[in-house]
Amino acid sequence: MRIVGTNIPDNKKVEFALAYIYGVGLPLARKIVKQAQINPDKRAKELLPEEINRIRDIVEKNFKVEGDLRREIMMNIKRLRETGSYRGSRHIRGLPVHGQRTKTNSRTRRGNVRRTMGSGRKPAASPT
């Protein structure tokens, strides 16, 4: 089953399967299922074609997901970079944007780059 260009897993419950769509988390998926009047205990493969169409209509008309959302986020970051804002410069350098500390705990953003004295050092020469 495909909704908004994303393959939905068949063996999961509808709520959790909808969360595979970029921009749809679990709370939004529950809201969509409730609005479409579908039993949340149903599996995705058990959905009828008219139920799938109801979900598809709700998602496409009311929410910005997948390609449109990605494009909007990229445009926002591009705007920050071009205006030369502080947040834009953090995006350019690949550092945390929201004020986190960077002396430690910025591995996710920087990758596993250790910038300390002993980190990339060659082993000492063996004694003779």
C-alpha atoms as a PDB file:
ATOM      1  CA  MET A   1       0.000   0.000   0.000  1.00  0.00           C
ATOM      2  CA  ARG A   2       1.320   3.443  -0.941  1.00  0.00           C
ATOM      3  CA  ILE A   3       0.219   6.745   0.575  1.00  0.00           C
ATOM      4  CA  VAL A   4       1.814  10.047  -0.518  1.00  0.00           C
ATOM      5  CA  GLY A   5       4.718   8.228  -2.189  1.00  0.00           C
ATOM      6  CA  THR A   6       5.621   6.086   0.849  1.00  0.00           C
ATOM      7  CA  ASN A   7       5.253   2.333   1.153  1.00  0.00           C
ATOM      8  CA  ILE A   8       3.246   1.507   4.251  1.00  0.00           C
ATOM      9  CA  PRO A   9       4.191  -1.766   6.029  1.00  0.00           C
ATOM     10  CA  ASP A  10       1.385  -4.326   5.863  1.00  0.00           C
ATOM     11  CA  ASN A  11       1.737  -6.188   9.145  1.00  0.00           C
ATOM     12  CA  LYS A  12       1.657  -3.182  11.476  1.00  0.00           C
ATOM     13  CA  LYS A  13      -1.384  -1.535  13.022  1.00  0.00           C
ATOM     14  CA  VAL A  14      -2.680   1.412  10.999  1.00  0.00           C
ATOM     15  CA  GLU A  15      -1.473   4.073  13.475  1.00  0.00           C
ATOM     16  CA  PHE A  16       2.102   2.799  13.486  1.00  0.00           C
ATOM     17  CA  ALA A  17       2.132   2.183   9.740  1.00  0.00           C
ATOM     18  CA  LEU A  18       1.100   5.790   9.037  1.00  0.00           C
ATOM     19  CA  ALA A  19       4.028   7.004  11.148  1.00  0.00           C
ATOM     20  CA  TYR A  20       6.335   5.748   8.366  1.00  0.00           C
ATOM     21  CA  ILE A  21       5.310   8.802   6.318  1.00  0.00           C
ATOM     22  CA  TYR A  22       7.766  11.684   6.701  1.00  0.00           C
ATOM     23  CA  GLY A  23       6.034  14.406   8.694  1.00  0.00           C
ATOM     24  CA  VAL A  24       3.481  12.087  10.333  1.00  0.00           C
ATOM     25  CA  GLY A  25       4.270  11.033  13.885  1.00  0.00           C
ATOM     26  CA  LEU A  26       2.245   8.855  16.205  1.00  0.00           C
ATOM     27  CA  PRO A  27      -0.032  11.628  17.586  1.00  0.00           C
ATOM     28  CA  LEU A  28      -0.878  12.864  14.074  1.00  0.00           C
ATOM     29  CA  ALA A  29      -1.396   9.293  12.861  1.00  0.00           C
ATOM     30  CA  ARG A  30      -3.897   8.714  15.677  1.00  0.00           C
ATOM     31  CA  LYS A  31      -5.719  11.920  14.717  1.00  0.00           C
ATOM     32  CA  ILE A  32      -5.886  10.814  11.061  1.00  0.00           C
ATOM     33  CA  VAL A  33      -7.226   7.360  11.985  1.00  0.00           C
ATOM     34  CA  LYS A  34      -9.873   8.918  14.250  1.00  0.00           C
ATOM     35  CA  GLN A  35     -10.884  11.440  11.570  1.00  0.00           C
ATOM     36  CA  ALA A  36     -11.149   8.684   8.943  1.00  0.00           C
ATOM     37  CA  GLN A  37     -13.292   6.640  11.356  1.00  0.00           C
ATOM     38  CA  ILE A  38     -11.125   3.524  11.148  1.00  0.00           C
ATOM     39  CA  ASN A  39     -10.634   0.976  13.925  1.00  0.00           C
ATOM     40  CA  PRO A  40      -7.104   1.630  15.281  1.00  0.00           C
ATOM     41  CA  ASP A  41      -6.615  -2.093  16.012  1.00  0.00           C
ATOM     42  CA  LYS A  42      -6.801  -2.960  12.304  1.00  0.00           C
ATOM     43  CA  ARG A  43      -3.654  -3.962  10.471  1.00  0.00           C
ATOM     44  CA  ALA A  44      -2.680  -2.041   7.344  1.00  0.00           C
ATOM     45  CA  LYS A  45      -3.240  -5.077   5.098  1.00  0.00           C
ATOM     46  CA  GLU A  46      -6.822  -5.417   6.407  1.00  0.00           C
ATOM     47  CA  LEU A  47      -7.853  -1.936   5.228  1.00  0.00           C
ATOM     48  CA  LEU A  48     -10.503  -1.717   2.563  1.00  0.00           C
ATOM     49  CA  PRO A  49      -9.855   0.378  -0.571  1.00  0.00           C
ATOM     50  CA  GLU A  50     -12.358   3.068   0.504  1.00  0.00           C
ATOM     51  CA  GLU A  51     -10.635   3.346   3.906  1.00  0.00           C
ATOM     52  CA  ILE A  52      -7.281   3.767   2.197  1.00  0.00           C
ATOM     53  CA  ASN A  53      -8.760   6.483  -0.020  1.00  0.00           C
ATOM     54  CA  ARG A  54     -10.195   8.296   3.038  1.00  0.00           C
ATOM     55  CA  ILE A  55      -6.768   8.263   4.709  1.00  0.00           C
ATOM     56  CA  ARG A  56      -5.082   9.424   1.503  1.00  0.00           C
ATOM     57  CA  ASP A  57      -7.529  12.317   1.087  1.00  0.00           C
ATOM     58  CA  ILE A  58      -7.116  13.459   4.702  1.00  0.00           C
ATOM     59  CA  VAL A  59      -3.317  13.382   4.510  1.00  0.00           C
ATOM     60  CA  GLU A  60      -3.055  15.106   1.123  1.00  0.00           C
ATOM     61  CA  LYS A  61      -5.585  17.866   1.842  1.00  0.00           C
ATOM     62  CA  ASN A  62      -4.814  18.775   5.441  1.00  0.00           C
ATOM     63  CA  PHE A  63      -1.118  18.139   6.111  1.00  0.00           C
ATOM     64  CA  LYS A  64       2.198  18.992   4.534  1.00  0.00           C
ATOM     65  CA  VAL A  65       4.170  15.747   4.295  1.00  0.00           C
ATOM     66  CA  GLU A  66       6.989  14.059   2.386  1.00  0.00           C
ATOM     67  CA  GLY A  67       8.414  16.082  -0.540  1.00  0.00           C
ATOM     68  CA  ASP A  68       6.602  19.340   0.239  1.00  0.00           C
ATOM     69  CA  LEU A  69       7.715  19.284   3.879  1.00  0.00           C
ATOM     70  CA  ARG A  70      11.313  18.408   2.981  1.00  0.00           C
ATOM     71  CA  ARG A  71      11.338  21.223   0.413  1.00  0.00           C
ATOM     72  CA  GLU A  72       9.985  23.722   2.936  1.00  0.00           C
ATOM     73  CA  ILE A  73      12.608  22.750   5.523  1.00  0.00           C
ATOM     74  CA  MET A  74      15.410  23.026   2.946  1.00  0.00           C
ATOM     75  CA  MET A  75      14.155  26.459   1.866  1.00  0.00           C
ATOM     76  CA  ASN A  76      14.050  27.634   5.486  1.00  0.00           C
ATOM     77  CA  ILE A  77      17.653  26.512   6.039  1.00  0.00           C
ATOM     78  CA  LYS A  78      18.719  28.104   2.736  1.00  0.00           C
ATOM     79  CA  ARG A  79      17.072  31.396   3.776  1.00  0.00           C
ATOM     80  CA  LEU A  80      18.913  31.336   7.130  1.00  0.00           C
ATOM     81  CA  ARG A  81      22.228  30.712   5.361  1.00  0.00           C
ATOM     82  CA  GLU A  82      21.719  33.483   2.823  1.00  0.00           C
ATOM     83  CA  THR A  83      20.697  36.106   5.380  1.00  0.00           C
ATOM     84  CA  GLY A  84      23.879  35.402   7.325  1.00  0.00           C
ATOM     85  CA  SER A  85      22.071  34.791  10.597  1.00  0.00           C
ATOM     86  CA  TYR A  86      23.726  33.035  13.515  1.00  0.00           C
ATOM     87  CA  ARG A  87      21.576  29.945  12.989  1.00  0.00           C
ATOM     88  CA  GLY A  88      22.514  29.924   9.300  1.00  0.00           C
ATOM     89  CA  SER A  89      26.216  30.026  10.127  1.00  0.00           C
ATOM     90  CA  ARG A  90      25.746  27.070  12.500  1.00  0.00           C
ATOM     91  CA  HIS A  91      24.072  25.136   9.678  1.00  0.00           C
ATOM     92  CA  ILE A  92      26.962  25.989   7.344  1.00  0.00           C
ATOM     93  CA  ARG A  93      29.581  24.794   9.850  1.00  0.00           C
ATOM     94  CA  GLY A  94      27.634  21.658  10.727  1.00  0.00           C
ATOM     95  CA  LEU A  95      27.333  22.537  14.421  1.00  0.00           C
ATOM     96  CA  PRO A  96      24.314  22.408  16.767  1.00  0.00           C
ATOM     97  CA  VAL A  97      21.846  25.205  16.043  1.00  0.00           C
ATOM     98  CA  HIS A  98      19.690  25.431  19.166  1.00  0.00           C
ATOM     99  CA  GLY A  99      22.196  26.552  21.778  1.00  0.00           C
ATOM    100  CA  GLN A 100      23.537  23.219  22.992  1.00  0.00           C
ATOM    101  CA  ARG A 101      26.997  22.952  24.450  1.00  0.00           C
ATOM    102  CA  THR A 102      29.729  21.850  22.089  1.00  0.00           C
ATOM    103  CA  LYS A 103      32.686  21.189  24.379  1.00  0.00           C
ATOM    104  CA  THR A 104      31.156  17.749  24.845  1.00  0.00           C
ATOM    105  CA  ASN A 105      27.992  16.088  23.554  1.00  0.00           C
ATOM    106  CA  SER A 106      27.836  17.290  19.959  1.00  0.00           C
ATOM    107  CA  ARG A 107      28.719  13.947  18.374  1.00  0.00           C
ATOM    108  CA  THR A 108      25.405  13.612  16.553  1.00  0.00           C
ATOM    109  CA  ARG A 109      25.852  16.835  14.628  1.00  0.00           C
ATOM    110  CA  ARG A 110      29.615  16.715  14.058  1.00  0.00           C
ATOM    111  CA  GLY A 111      30.037  12.987  13.618  1.00  0.00           C
ATOM    112  CA  ASN A 112      32.514  11.122  15.781  1.00  0.00           C
ATOM    113  CA  VAL A 113      35.203  13.787  15.443  1.00  0.00           C
ATOM    114  CA  ARG A 114      37.290  13.970  18.595  1.00  0.00           C
ATOM    115  CA  ARG A 115      39.130  17.268  18.886  1.00  0.00           C
ATOM    116  CA  THR A 116      41.392  16.611  21.824  1.00  0.00           C
ATOM    117  CA  MET A 117      45.087  16.235  22.293  1.00  0.00           C
ATOM    118  CA  GLY A 118      45.474  12.467  22.306  1.00  0.00           C
ATOM    119  CA  SER A 119      42.911  11.501  19.743  1.00  0.00           C
ATOM    120  CA  GLY A 120      44.631  10.837  16.442  1.00  0.00           C
ATOM    121  CA  ARG A 121      48.062  10.383  17.999  1.00  0.00           C
ATOM    122  CA  LYS A 122      50.338   7.651  16.636  1.00  0.00           C
ATOM    123  CA  PRO A 123      51.465   4.975  19.097  1.00  0.00           C
ATOM    124  CA  ALA A 124      54.706   5.758  20.923  1.00  0.00           C
ATOM    125  CA  ALA A 125      57.922   4.182  19.655  1.00  0.00           C
ATOM    126  CA  SER A 126      58.699   0.836  21.271  1.00  0.00           C
ATOM    127  CA  PRO A 127      61.558   0.825  23.809  1.00  0.00           C
ATOM    128  CA  THR A 128      64.874  -0.662  22.626  1.00  0.00           C
END
